[in-house]
Amino acid sequence: MRGYSTSEVDAFLEQVSNALEEVLTENENLSSRLKQVEGELDKFNRIEQTLRDALVVAQGTAEDVVRTANRKRIILWMQQSIRQKKF
Protein backbone atom coordinates (compact mmCIF):
# COMPACT_ATOMS: atom_id res chain seq x y z
CA MET A 1 0.00 0.00 0.00
CA ARG A 2 1.26 3.46 -0.85
CA GLY A 3 0.69 6.75 0.98
CA TYR A 4 0.70 7.82 4.55
CA SER A 5 0.20 5.50 7.46
CA THR A 6 -3.07 6.35 9.16
CA SER A 7 -1.71 5.57 12.61
CA GLU A 8 1.38 7.78 12.02
CA VAL A 9 -0.78 10.66 10.77
CA ASP A 10 -3.13 10.26 13.74
CA ALA A 11 -0.15 10.25 16.15
CA PHE A 12 1.30 13.34 14.48
CA LEU A 13 -2.03 15.15 14.64
CA GLU A 14 -2.31 14.24 18.32
CA GLN A 15 1.15 15.73 18.95
CA VAL A 16 0.23 18.91 17.06
CA SER A 17 -3.06 19.14 18.97
CA ASN A 18 -1.28 18.74 22.32
CA ALA A 19 1.39 21.28 21.40
CA LEU A 20 -1.26 23.77 20.25
CA GLU A 21 -3.23 23.28 23.46
CA GLU A 22 -0.08 23.93 25.53
CA VAL A 23 0.70 27.09 23.54
CA LEU A 24 -2.85 28.36 23.89
CA THR A 25 -2.84 27.67 27.64
CA GLU A 26 0.51 29.43 28.03
CA ASN A 27 -0.74 32.37 25.98
CA GLU A 28 -3.82 32.65 28.18
CA ASN A 29 -1.66 32.55 31.33
CA LEU A 30 0.74 35.15 29.94
CA SER A 31 -2.13 37.43 28.91
CA SER A 32 -3.58 37.19 32.40
CA ARG A 33 -0.18 37.93 33.97
CA LEU A 34 0.33 40.86 31.61
CA LYS A 35 -2.98 42.41 32.69
CA GLN A 36 -1.97 41.95 36.33
CA VAL A 37 1.44 43.55 35.80
CA GLU A 38 -0.09 46.43 33.82
CA GLY A 39 -2.45 47.06 36.74
CA GLU A 40 0.47 47.08 39.17
CA LEU A 41 2.41 49.42 36.89
CA ASP A 42 -0.54 51.79 36.75
CA LYS A 43 -0.75 51.73 40.54
CA PHE A 44 2.96 52.51 40.89
CA ASN A 45 2.70 55.30 38.30
CA ARG A 46 -0.09 56.88 40.36
CA ILE A 47 2.00 56.55 43.53
CA GLU A 48 4.97 58.10 41.75
CA GLN A 49 2.87 61.06 40.60
CA THR A 50 1.49 61.50 44.12
CA LEU A 51 5.03 61.54 45.51
CA ARG A 52 6.14 64.05 42.87
CA ASP A 53 3.19 66.29 43.73
CA ALA A 54 3.98 65.99 47.44
CA LEU A 55 7.60 66.88 46.76
CA VAL A 56 6.58 70.01 44.85
CA VAL A 57 4.32 71.04 47.75
CA ALA A 58 7.12 70.34 50.26
CA GLN A 59 9.59 72.40 48.24
CA GLY A 60 7.12 75.29 48.09
CA THR A 61 6.52 75.04 51.82
CA ALA A 62 10.26 75.03 52.51
CA GLU A 63 10.69 78.13 50.37
CA ASP A 64 7.84 79.83 52.24
CA VAL A 65 9.45 78.97 55.57
CA VAL A 66 12.78 80.43 54.44
CA ARG A 67 11.08 83.62 53.16
CA THR A 68 9.15 84.00 56.39
CA ALA A 69 12.27 83.46 58.48
CA ASN A 70 14.16 86.05 56.43
CA ARG A 71 11.32 88.56 56.84
CA LYS A 72 11.24 87.97 60.59
CA ARG A 73 15.01 88.37 60.75
CA ILE A 74 14.78 91.69 58.91
CA ILE A 75 11.93 92.88 61.12
CA LEU A 76 13.83 91.93 64.28
CA TRP A 77 16.94 93.67 62.98
CA MET A 78 14.90 96.80 62.20
CA GLN A 79 13.24 96.72 65.63
CA GLN A 80 16.61 96.36 67.30
CA SER A 81 18.00 99.29 65.27
CA ILE A 82 15.05 101.46 66.29
CA ARG A 83 15.51 100.54 69.96
CA GLN A 84 19.20 101.36 69.83
CA LYS A 85 18.47 104.77 68.29
CA LYS A 86 16.02 105.59 71.08
CA PHE A 87 18.64 105.05 73.74
PDB file of N, CA and C in Angstrom:
ATOM      1  N   MET A   1       0.821  -1.169   0.000  1.00  0.00           N
ATOM      2  CA  MET A   1       0.000   0.000   0.000  1.00  0.00           C
ATOM      3  C   MET A   1       0.877   1.250   0.000  1.00  0.00           C
ATOM      4  N   ARG A   2       0.497   2.222  -0.767  1.00  0.00           N
ATOM      5  CA  ARG A   2       1.265   3.459  -0.855  1.00  0.00           C
ATOM      6  C   ARG A   2       0.537   4.561  -0.111  1.00  0.00           C
ATOM      7  N   GLY A   3       1.286   5.603   0.307  1.00  0.00           N
ATOM      8  CA  GLY A   3       0.692   6.754   0.978  1.00  0.00           C
ATOM      9  C   GLY A   3       1.096   6.801   2.437  1.00  0.00           C
ATOM     10  N   TYR A   4       0.377   7.606   3.137  1.00  0.00           N
ATOM     11  CA  TYR A   4       0.697   7.821   4.550  1.00  0.00           C
ATOM     12  C   TYR A   4       0.044   6.750   5.406  1.00  0.00           C
ATOM     13  N   SER A   5       0.748   6.460   6.500  1.00  0.00           N
ATOM     14  CA  SER A   5       0.199   5.504   7.464  1.00  0.00           C
ATOM     15  C   SER A   5      -0.827   6.247   8.317  1.00  0.00           C
ATOM     16  N   THR A   6      -1.998   5.710   8.400  1.00  0.00           N
ATOM     17  CA  THR A   6      -3.067   6.349   9.164  1.00  0.00           C
ATOM     18  C   THR A   6      -2.694   6.500  10.625  1.00  0.00           C
ATOM     19  N   SER A   7      -2.075   5.496  11.193  1.00  0.00           N
ATOM     20  CA  SER A   7      -1.709   5.572  12.609  1.00  0.00           C
ATOM     21  C   SER A   7      -0.628   6.632  12.848  1.00  0.00           C
ATOM     22  N   GLU A   8       0.337   6.761  11.891  1.00  0.00           N
ATOM     23  CA  GLU A   8       1.377   7.782  12.024  1.00  0.00           C
ATOM     24  C   GLU A   8       0.783   9.195  11.888  1.00  0.00           C
ATOM     25  N   VAL A   9      -0.123   9.353  10.957  1.00  0.00           N
ATOM     26  CA  VAL A   9      -0.781  10.656  10.769  1.00  0.00           C
ATOM     27  C   VAL A   9      -1.595  10.998  12.008  1.00  0.00           C
ATOM     28  N   ASP A  10      -2.337  10.026  12.531  1.00  0.00           N
ATOM     29  CA  ASP A  10      -3.127  10.264  13.745  1.00  0.00           C
ATOM     30  C   ASP A  10      -2.224  10.630  14.926  1.00  0.00           C
ATOM     31  N   ALA A  11      -1.086   9.955  15.070  1.00  0.00           N
ATOM     32  CA  ALA A  11      -0.146  10.249  16.154  1.00  0.00           C
ATOM     33  C   ALA A  11       0.422  11.662  15.988  1.00  0.00           C
ATOM     34  N   PHE A  12       0.777  11.999  14.751  1.00  0.00           N
ATOM     35  CA  PHE A  12       1.305  13.341  14.483  1.00  0.00           C
ATOM     36  C   PHE A  12       0.257  14.410  14.797  1.00  0.00           C
ATOM     37  N   LEU A  13      -0.965  14.190  14.364  1.00  0.00           N
ATOM     38  CA  LEU A  13      -2.035  15.150  14.642  1.00  0.00           C
ATOM     39  C   LEU A  13      -2.281  15.285  16.146  1.00  0.00           C
ATOM     40  N   GLU A  14      -2.155  14.212  16.859  1.00  0.00           N
ATOM     41  CA  GLU A  14      -2.307  14.244  18.317  1.00  0.00           C
ATOM     42  C   GLU A  14      -1.205  15.094  18.941  1.00  0.00           C
ATOM     43  N   GLN A  15       0.032  14.937  18.451  1.00  0.00           N
ATOM     44  CA  GLN A  15       1.151  15.735  18.949  1.00  0.00           C
ATOM     45  C   GLN A  15       0.931  17.225  18.652  1.00  0.00           C
ATOM     46  N   VAL A  16       0.493  17.516  17.443  1.00  0.00           N
ATOM     47  CA  VAL A  16       0.230  18.907  17.062  1.00  0.00           C
ATOM     48  C   VAL A  16      -0.886  19.481  17.937  1.00  0.00           C
ATOM     49  N   SER A  17      -1.933  18.695  18.147  1.00  0.00           N
ATOM     50  CA  SER A  17      -3.056  19.144  18.974  1.00  0.00           C
ATOM     51  C   SER A  17      -2.606  19.432  20.401  1.00  0.00           C
ATOM     52  N   ASN A  18      -1.794  18.544  20.954  1.00  0.00           N
ATOM     53  CA  ASN A  18      -1.284  18.739  22.316  1.00  0.00           C
ATOM     54  C   ASN A  18      -0.384  19.973  22.405  1.00  0.00           C
ATOM     55  N   ALA A  19       0.493  20.128  21.415  1.00  0.00           N
ATOM     56  CA  ALA A  19       1.386  21.285  21.400  1.00  0.00           C
ATOM     57  C   ALA A  19       0.582  22.583  21.285  1.00  0.00           C
ATOM     58  N   LEU A  20      -0.421  22.586  20.424  1.00  0.00           N
ATOM     59  CA  LEU A  20      -1.256  23.771  20.249  1.00  0.00           C
ATOM     60  C   LEU A  20      -2.008  24.087  21.540  1.00  0.00           C
ATOM     61  N   GLU A  21      -2.514  23.074  22.194  1.00  0.00           N
ATOM     62  CA  GLU A  21      -3.231  23.276  23.456  1.00  0.00           C
ATOM     63  C   GLU A  21      -2.304  23.875  24.510  1.00  0.00           C
ATOM     64  N   GLU A  22      -1.057  23.381  24.581  1.00  0.00           N
ATOM     65  CA  GLU A  22      -0.084  23.928  25.533  1.00  0.00           C
ATOM     66  C   GLU A  22       0.219  25.396  25.226  1.00  0.00           C
ATOM     67  N   VAL A  23       0.405  25.710  23.941  1.00  0.00           N
ATOM     68  CA  VAL A  23       0.700  27.086  23.540  1.00  0.00           C
ATOM     69  C   VAL A  23      -0.476  27.996  23.876  1.00  0.00           C
ATOM     70  N   LEU A  24      -1.677  27.551  23.598  1.00  0.00           N
ATOM     71  CA  LEU A  24      -2.854  28.363  23.892  1.00  0.00           C
ATOM     72  C   LEU A  24      -3.016  28.588  25.395  1.00  0.00           C
ATOM     73  N   THR A  25      -2.770  27.549  26.177  1.00  0.00           N
ATOM     74  CA  THR A  25      -2.845  27.674  27.636  1.00  0.00           C
ATOM     75  C   THR A  25      -1.778  28.652  28.138  1.00  0.00           C
ATOM     76  N   GLU A  26      -0.562  28.522  27.628  1.00  0.00           N
ATOM     77  CA  GLU A  26       0.514  29.429  28.032  1.00  0.00           C
ATOM     78  C   GLU A  26       0.179  30.864  27.628  1.00  0.00           C
ATOM     79  N   ASN A  27      -0.358  31.039  26.444  1.00  0.00           N
ATOM     80  CA  ASN A  27      -0.741  32.369  25.976  1.00  0.00           C
ATOM     81  C   ASN A  27      -1.805  32.980  26.885  1.00  0.00           C
ATOM     82  N   GLU A  28      -2.768  32.176  27.271  1.00  0.00           N
ATOM     83  CA  GLU A  28      -3.817  32.645  28.180  1.00  0.00           C
ATOM     84  C   GLU A  28      -3.227  33.054  29.523  1.00  0.00           C
ATOM     85  N   ASN A  29      -2.316  32.232  30.051  1.00  0.00           N
ATOM     86  CA  ASN A  29      -1.662  32.547  31.331  1.00  0.00           C
ATOM     87  C   ASN A  29      -0.830  33.822  31.224  1.00  0.00           C
ATOM     88  N   LEU A  30      -0.097  33.960  30.124  1.00  0.00           N
ATOM     89  CA  LEU A  30       0.736  35.147  29.940  1.00  0.00           C
ATOM     90  C   LEU A  30      -0.121  36.401  29.766  1.00  0.00           C
ATOM     91  N   SER A  31      -1.225  36.286  29.073  1.00  0.00           N
ATOM     92  CA  SER A  31      -2.133  37.432  28.910  1.00  0.00           C
ATOM     93  C   SER A  31      -2.697  37.865  30.255  1.00  0.00           C
ATOM     94  N   SER A  32      -3.055  36.885  31.061  1.00  0.00           N
ATOM     95  CA  SER A  32      -3.577  37.187  32.396  1.00  0.00           C
ATOM     96  C   SER A  32      -2.512  37.862  33.252  1.00  0.00           C
ATOM     97  N   ARG A  33      -1.300  37.343  33.192  1.00  0.00           N
ATOM     98  CA  ARG A  33      -0.185  37.925  33.973  1.00  0.00           C
ATOM     99  C   ARG A  33       0.124  39.334  33.480  1.00  0.00           C
ATOM    100  N   LEU A  34       0.069  39.545  32.174  1.00  0.00           N
ATOM    101  CA  LEU A  34       0.332  40.863  31.610  1.00  0.00           C
ATOM    102  C   LEU A  34      -0.680  41.875  32.132  1.00  0.00           C
ATOM    103  N   LYS A  35      -1.950  41.505  32.167  1.00  0.00           N
ATOM    104  CA  LYS A  35      -2.976  42.406  32.691  1.00  0.00           C
ATOM    105  C   LYS A  35      -2.700  42.739  34.152  1.00  0.00           C
ATOM    106  N   GLN A  36      -2.280  41.747  34.916  1.00  0.00           N
ATOM    107  CA  GLN A  36      -1.970  41.953  36.331  1.00  0.00           C
ATOM    108  C   GLN A  36      -0.797  42.920  36.479  1.00  0.00           C
ATOM    109  N   VAL A  37       0.248  42.703  35.718  1.00  0.00           N
ATOM    110  CA  VAL A  37       1.443  43.549  35.799  1.00  0.00           C
ATOM    111  C   VAL A  37       1.128  44.969  35.323  1.00  0.00           C
ATOM    112  N   GLU A  38       0.314  45.097  34.282  1.00  0.00           N
ATOM    113  CA  GLU A  38      -0.087  46.425  33.816  1.00  0.00           C
ATOM    114  C   GLU A  38      -0.864  47.168  34.894  1.00  0.00           C
ATOM    115  N   GLY A  39      -1.714  46.446  35.628  1.00  0.00           N
ATOM    116  CA  GLY A  39      -2.446  47.056  36.742  1.00  0.00           C
ATOM    117  C   GLY A  39      -1.508  47.525  37.834  1.00  0.00           C
ATOM    118  N   GLU A  40      -0.517  46.698  38.154  1.00  0.00           N
ATOM    119  CA  GLU A  40       0.466  47.076  39.166  1.00  0.00           C
ATOM    120  C   GLU A  40       1.281  48.281  38.705  1.00  0.00           C
ATOM    121  N   LEU A  41       1.656  48.294  37.437  1.00  0.00           N
ATOM    122  CA  LEU A  41       2.414  49.422  36.893  1.00  0.00           C
ATOM    123  C   LEU A  41       1.600  50.701  36.984  1.00  0.00           C
ATOM    124  N   ASP A  42       0.329  50.626  36.660  1.00  0.00           N
ATOM    125  CA  ASP A  42      -0.544  51.789  36.747  1.00  0.00           C
ATOM    126  C   ASP A  42      -0.603  52.291  38.188  1.00  0.00           C
ATOM    127  N   LYS A  43      -0.711  51.363  39.128  1.00  0.00           N
ATOM    128  CA  LYS A  43      -0.754  51.731  40.545  1.00  0.00           C
ATOM    129  C   LYS A  43       0.538  52.439  40.946  1.00  0.00           C
ATOM    130  N   PHE A  44       1.681  51.898  40.537  1.00  0.00           N
ATOM    131  CA  PHE A  44       2.961  52.511  40.887  1.00  0.00           C
ATOM    132  C   PHE A  44       3.142  53.855  40.194  1.00  0.00           C
ATOM    133  N   ASN A  45       2.625  53.999  38.981  1.00  0.00           N
ATOM    134  CA  ASN A  45       2.697  55.298  38.299  1.00  0.00           C
ATOM    135  C   ASN A  45       1.879  56.340  39.050  1.00  0.00           C
ATOM    136  N   ARG A  46       0.716  55.943  39.564  1.00  0.00           N
ATOM    137  CA  ARG A  46      -0.093  56.882  40.357  1.00  0.00           C
ATOM    138  C   ARG A  46       0.620  57.248  41.655  1.00  0.00           C
ATOM    139  N   ILE A  47       1.247  56.272  42.296  1.00  0.00           N
ATOM    140  CA  ILE A  47       1.998  56.546  43.528  1.00  0.00           C
ATOM    141  C   ILE A  47       3.159  57.490  43.227  1.00  0.00           C
ATOM    142  N   GLU A  48       3.858  57.239  42.123  1.00  0.00           N
ATOM    143  CA  GLU A  48       4.973  58.102  41.747  1.00  0.00           C
ATOM    144  C   GLU A  48       4.498  59.537  41.537  1.00  0.00           C
ATOM    145  N   GLN A  49       3.384  59.711  40.848  1.00  0.00           N
ATOM    146  CA  GLN A  49       2.869  61.061  40.604  1.00  0.00           C
ATOM    147  C   GLN A  49       2.466  61.726  41.914  1.00  0.00           C
ATOM    148  N   THR A  50       1.859  60.960  42.810  1.00  0.00           N
ATOM    149  CA  THR A  50       1.489  61.500  44.121  1.00  0.00           C
ATOM    150  C   THR A  50       2.718  61.960  44.875  1.00  0.00           C
ATOM    151  N   LEU A  51       3.783  61.169  44.836  1.00  0.00           N
ATOM    152  CA  LEU A  51       5.033  61.539  45.511  1.00  0.00           C
ATOM    153  C   LEU A  51       5.653  62.782  44.872  1.00  0.00           C
ATOM    154  N   ARG A  52       5.614  62.857  43.553  1.00  0.00           N
ATOM    155  CA  ARG A  52       6.138  64.051  42.869  1.00  0.00           C
ATOM    156  C   ARG A  52       5.344  65.295  43.281  1.00  0.00           C
ATOM    157  N   ASP A  53       4.023  65.155  43.314  1.00  0.00           N
ATOM    158  CA  ASP A  53       3.187  66.286  43.726  1.00  0.00           C
ATOM    159  C   ASP A  53       3.501  66.694  45.164  1.00  0.00           C
ATOM    160  N   ALA A  54       3.658  65.707  46.034  1.00  0.00           N
ATOM    161  CA  ALA A  54       3.983  65.989  47.436  1.00  0.00           C
ATOM    162  C   ALA A  54       5.339  66.677  47.550  1.00  0.00           C
ATOM    163  N   LEU A  55       6.283  66.268  46.732  1.00  0.00           N
ATOM    164  CA  LEU A  55       7.605  66.883  46.757  1.00  0.00           C
ATOM    165  C   LEU A  55       7.529  68.344  46.322  1.00  0.00           C
ATOM    166  N   VAL A  56       6.745  68.625  45.304  1.00  0.00           N
ATOM    167  CA  VAL A  56       6.579  70.014  44.851  1.00  0.00           C
ATOM    168  C   VAL A  56       5.969  70.852  45.973  1.00  0.00           C
ATOM    169  N   VAL A  57       4.956  70.318  46.643  1.00  0.00           N
ATOM    170  CA  VAL A  57       4.325  71.043  47.755  1.00  0.00           C
ATOM    171  C   VAL A  57       5.337  71.260  48.878  1.00  0.00           C
ATOM    172  N   ALA A  58       6.118  70.226  49.199  1.00  0.00           N
ATOM    173  CA  ALA A  58       7.117  70.338  50.264  1.00  0.00           C
ATOM    174  C   ALA A  58       8.176  71.380  49.910  1.00  0.00           C
ATOM    175  N   GLN A  59       8.594  71.409  48.658  1.00  0.00           N
ATOM    176  CA  GLN A  59       9.586  72.401  48.241  1.00  0.00           C
ATOM    177  C   GLN A  59       9.010  73.812  48.362  1.00  0.00           C
ATOM    178  N   GLY A  60       7.767  73.978  47.957  1.00  0.00           N
ATOM    179  CA  GLY A  60       7.122  75.287  48.090  1.00  0.00           C
ATOM    180  C   GLY A  60       7.000  75.700  49.541  1.00  0.00           C
ATOM    181  N   THR A  61       6.639  74.750  50.391  1.00  0.00           N
ATOM    182  CA  THR A  61       6.516  75.036  51.817  1.00  0.00           C
ATOM    183  C   THR A  61       7.872  75.417  52.408  1.00  0.00           C
ATOM    184  N   ALA A  62       8.905  74.710  52.024  1.00  0.00           N
ATOM    185  CA  ALA A  62      10.257  75.029  52.514  1.00  0.00           C
ATOM    186  C   ALA A  62      10.664  76.432  52.079  1.00  0.00           C
ATOM    187  N   GLU A  63      10.365  76.779  50.850  1.00  0.00           N
ATOM    188  CA  GLU A  63      10.688  78.127  50.368  1.00  0.00           C
ATOM    189  C   GLU A  63       9.909  79.183  51.141  1.00  0.00           C
ATOM    190  N   ASP A  64       8.649  78.898  51.443  1.00  0.00           N
ATOM    191  CA  ASP A  64       7.841  79.828  52.238  1.00  0.00           C
ATOM    192  C   ASP A  64       8.420  80.001  53.641  1.00  0.00           C
ATOM    193  N   VAL A  65       8.860  78.915  54.232  1.00  0.00           N
ATOM    194  CA  VAL A  65       9.448  78.969  55.575  1.00  0.00           C
ATOM    195  C   VAL A  65      10.713  79.827  55.555  1.00  0.00           C
ATOM    196  N   VAL A  66      11.549  79.645  54.550  1.00  0.00           N
ATOM    197  CA  VAL A  66      12.780  80.432  54.442  1.00  0.00           C
ATOM    198  C   VAL A  66      12.444  81.910  54.251  1.00  0.00           C
ATOM    199  N   ARG A  67      11.483  82.219  53.379  1.00  0.00           N
ATOM    200  CA  ARG A  67      11.084  83.616  53.158  1.00  0.00           C
ATOM    201  C   ARG A  67      10.548  84.241  54.439  1.00  0.00           C
ATOM    202  N   THR A  68       9.723  83.499  55.143  1.00  0.00           N
ATOM    203  CA  THR A  68       9.150  84.002  56.391  1.00  0.00           C
ATOM    204  C   THR A  68      10.247  84.230  57.423  1.00  0.00           C
ATOM    205  N   ALA A  69      11.165  83.312  57.528  1.00  0.00           N
ATOM    206  CA  ALA A  69      12.268  83.460  58.483  1.00  0.00           C
ATOM    207  C   ALA A  69      13.118  84.675  58.121  1.00  0.00           C
ATOM    208  N   ASN A  70      13.383  84.882  56.853  1.00  0.00           N
ATOM    209  CA  ASN A  70      14.164  86.048  56.435  1.00  0.00           C
ATOM    210  C   ASN A  70      13.416  87.348  56.745  1.00  0.00           C
ATOM    211  N   ARG A  71      12.114  87.364  56.514  1.00  0.00           N
ATOM    212  CA  ARG A  71      11.323  88.564  56.838  1.00  0.00           C
ATOM    213  C   ARG A  71      11.362  88.846  58.338  1.00  0.00           C
ATOM    214  N   LYS A  72      11.192  87.799  59.134  1.00  0.00           N
ATOM    215  CA  LYS A  72      11.238  87.975  60.589  1.00  0.00           C
ATOM    216  C   LYS A  72      12.608  88.470  61.038  1.00  0.00           C
ATOM    217  N   ARG A  73      13.649  87.940  60.405  1.00  0.00           N
ATOM    218  CA  ARG A  73      15.009  88.370  60.746  1.00  0.00           C
ATOM    219  C   ARG A  73      15.179  89.852  60.447  1.00  0.00           C
ATOM    220  N   ILE A  74      14.675  90.279  59.286  1.00  0.00           N
ATOM    221  CA  ILE A  74      14.779  91.694  58.908  1.00  0.00           C
ATOM    222  C   ILE A  74      13.972  92.566  59.863  1.00  0.00           C
ATOM    223  N   ILE A  75      12.767  92.114  60.196  1.00  0.00           N
ATOM    224  CA  ILE A  75      11.925  92.881  61.122  1.00  0.00           C
ATOM    225  C   ILE A  75      12.601  92.995  62.477  1.00  0.00           C
ATOM    226  N   LEU A  76      13.142  91.897  62.983  1.00  0.00           N
ATOM    227  CA  LEU A  76      13.831  91.928  64.275  1.00  0.00           C
ATOM    228  C   LEU A  76      15.046  92.848  64.223  1.00  0.00           C
ATOM    229  N   TRP A  77      15.776  92.803  63.126  1.00  0.00           N
ATOM    230  CA  TRP A  77      16.937  93.674  62.978  1.00  0.00           C
ATOM    231  C   TRP A  77      16.508  95.143  62.972  1.00  0.00           C
ATOM    232  N   MET A  78      15.407  95.429  62.251  1.00  0.00           N
ATOM    233  CA  MET A  78      14.905  96.802  62.202  1.00  0.00           C
ATOM    234  C   MET A  78      14.417  97.259  63.570  1.00  0.00           C
ATOM    235  N   GLN A  79      13.711  96.383  64.278  1.00  0.00           N
ATOM    236  CA  GLN A  79      13.238  96.723  65.625  1.00  0.00           C
ATOM    237  C   GLN A  79      14.410  96.998  66.561  1.00  0.00           C
ATOM    238  N   GLN A  80      15.431  96.176  66.455  1.00  0.00           N
ATOM    239  CA  GLN A  80      16.615  96.360  67.296  1.00  0.00           C
ATOM    240  C   GLN A  80      17.301  97.686  66.956  1.00  0.00           C
ATOM    241  N   SER A  81      17.379  98.030  65.698  1.00  0.00           N
ATOM    242  CA  SER A  81      17.998  99.294  65.267  1.00  0.00           C
ATOM    243  C   SER A  81      17.220 100.475  65.816  1.00  0.00           C
ATOM    244  N   ILE A  82      15.889 100.392  65.771  1.00  0.00           N
ATOM    245  CA  ILE A  82      15.045 101.463  66.295  1.00  0.00           C
ATOM    246  C   ILE A  82      15.253 101.614  67.792  1.00  0.00           C
ATOM    247  N   ARG A  83      15.309 100.508  68.517  1.00  0.00           N
ATOM    248  CA  ARG A  83      15.507 100.539  69.958  1.00  0.00           C
ATOM    249  C   ARG A  83      16.860 101.172  70.304  1.00  0.00           C
ATOM    250  N   GLN A  84      17.862 100.829  69.558  1.00  0.00           N
ATOM    251  CA  GLN A  84      19.196 101.363  69.827  1.00  0.00           C
ATOM    252  C   GLN A  84      19.236 102.866  69.585  1.00  0.00           C
ATOM    253  N   LYS A  85      18.495 103.349  68.593  1.00  0.00           N
ATOM    254  CA  LYS A  85      18.466 104.773  68.294  1.00  0.00           C
ATOM    255  C   LYS A  85      17.723 105.555  69.363  1.00  0.00           C
ATOM    256  N   LYS A  86      16.766 104.918  70.026  1.00  0.00           N
ATOM    257  CA  LYS A  86      16.016 105.593  71.084  1.00  0.00           C
ATOM    258  C   LYS A  86      16.885 105.809  72.309  1.00  0.00           C
ATOM    259  N   PHE A  87      17.828 104.944  72.518  1.00  0.00           N
ATOM    260  CA  PHE A  87      18.635 105.052  73.742  1.00  0.00           C
ATOM    261  C   PHE A  87      19.886 105.763  73.469  1.00  0.00           C
TER     262      PHE A  87
END
